[in-house]
Amino acid sequence: MKTGAIVYVVGKENLAKNFDMEVALKNLEIDADRVEFVSPGSGHFDIMDAWWSLTARGMKRVVCMIAEIVNGSDLRLTGREIQLCE
């Protein structure tokens, strides 16, 4: 069964100008076949949009994880996780 993950980025800290979301997501080492992200500045505009993108690509299990911005240049998972479908 293919697994998709949505990383929902929260926090009031601003991102550095040279912040690369794709690199930050890879550094999280999430065990999923595909990872999408939701953040104010880029990525999907809401969880539903990211979920649709994953299910359209064949993901049967979708988990939403919450990450916060750290030092303006990195992401850290908060440990909160919501399973959206299986």
Protein backbone atom coordinates (compact mmCIF):
# COMPACT_ATOMS: atom_id res chain seq x y z
CA MET A 1 0.00 0.00 0.00
CA LYS A 2 1.42 3.38 -0.99
CA THR A 3 1.76 5.94 1.77
CA GLY A 4 1.60 9.69 1.35
CA ALA A 5 2.48 12.34 3.89
CA ILE A 6 1.38 15.92 4.23
CA VAL A 7 3.65 18.24 6.18
CA TYR A 8 1.66 21.18 7.54
CA VAL A 9 4.09 23.99 8.32
CA VAL A 10 3.13 26.21 11.27
CA GLY A 11 4.75 28.97 13.26
CA LYS A 12 5.21 32.69 13.35
CA GLU A 13 8.89 32.64 12.52
CA ASN A 14 9.75 33.97 9.07
CA LEU A 15 11.59 31.84 6.57
CA ALA A 16 15.05 32.87 5.45
CA LYS A 17 15.22 34.21 1.89
CA ASN A 18 17.33 31.25 0.75
CA PHE A 19 15.05 28.67 2.44
CA ASP A 20 14.52 25.59 0.26
CA MET A 21 11.37 23.71 1.30
CA GLU A 22 12.25 20.63 -0.76
CA VAL A 23 15.62 20.26 0.98
CA ALA A 24 14.04 20.86 4.39
CA LEU A 25 11.45 18.14 3.73
CA LYS A 26 14.14 15.66 2.68
CA ASN A 27 16.05 16.41 5.88
CA LEU A 28 12.99 15.32 7.89
CA GLU A 29 13.47 11.79 6.49
CA ILE A 30 9.77 10.98 6.38
CA ASP A 31 9.02 7.36 5.52
CA ALA A 32 6.50 7.83 2.71
CA ASP A 33 6.23 7.20 -1.00
CA ARG A 34 5.35 10.84 -1.63
CA VAL A 35 5.43 13.97 0.53
CA GLU A 36 3.46 17.17 -0.05
CA PHE A 37 3.55 20.29 2.09
CA VAL A 38 1.18 23.05 3.12
CA SER A 39 2.62 26.41 4.11
CA PRO A 40 1.63 30.07 3.90
CA GLY A 41 4.21 31.01 1.28
CA SER A 42 4.43 27.99 -0.98
CA GLY A 43 3.22 24.46 -1.52
CA HIS A 44 -0.46 23.57 -1.31
CA PHE A 45 -2.87 26.14 0.09
CA ASP A 46 -4.65 23.70 2.43
CA ILE A 47 -4.62 20.11 3.66
CA MET A 48 -7.51 19.11 1.41
CA ASP A 49 -5.61 20.24 -1.69
CA ALA A 50 -2.52 18.25 -0.66
CA TRP A 51 -4.67 15.21 0.23
CA TRP A 52 -6.33 15.30 -3.20
CA SER A 53 -2.93 15.50 -4.88
CA LEU A 54 -1.73 12.42 -2.99
CA THR A 55 -4.86 10.33 -3.56
CA ALA A 56 -4.84 11.24 -7.25
CA ARG A 57 -1.32 9.78 -7.39
CA GLY A 58 -2.44 6.47 -5.87
CA MET A 59 -1.65 6.95 -2.20
CA LYS A 60 -3.98 4.76 -0.12
CA ARG A 61 -2.71 5.80 3.31
CA VAL A 62 -2.28 9.51 3.98
CA VAL A 63 -0.82 10.95 7.17
CA CYS A 64 -0.67 14.63 8.09
CA MET A 65 2.31 15.75 10.18
CA ILE A 66 2.83 19.15 11.72
CA ALA A 67 6.21 20.85 11.41
CA GLU A 68 7.46 24.15 12.72
CA ILE A 69 10.05 26.51 11.33
CA VAL A 70 13.31 26.53 13.29
CA ASN A 71 15.87 29.35 12.99
CA GLY A 72 14.26 30.48 9.74
CA SER A 73 16.06 27.81 7.77
CA ASP A 74 14.92 24.38 8.92
CA LEU A 75 11.83 22.36 9.82
CA ARG A 76 11.19 20.24 12.90
CA LEU A 77 8.30 17.80 13.29
CA THR A 78 6.21 18.50 16.40
CA GLY A 79 5.23 14.87 16.91
CA ARG A 80 1.57 15.55 16.20
CA GLU A 81 0.22 13.32 13.48
CA ILE A 82 -3.23 12.77 11.98
CA GLN A 83 -4.10 9.80 9.80
CA LEU A 84 -6.42 11.07 7.07
CA CYS A 85 -7.22 7.79 5.31
CA GLU A 86 -6.22 4.17 5.02
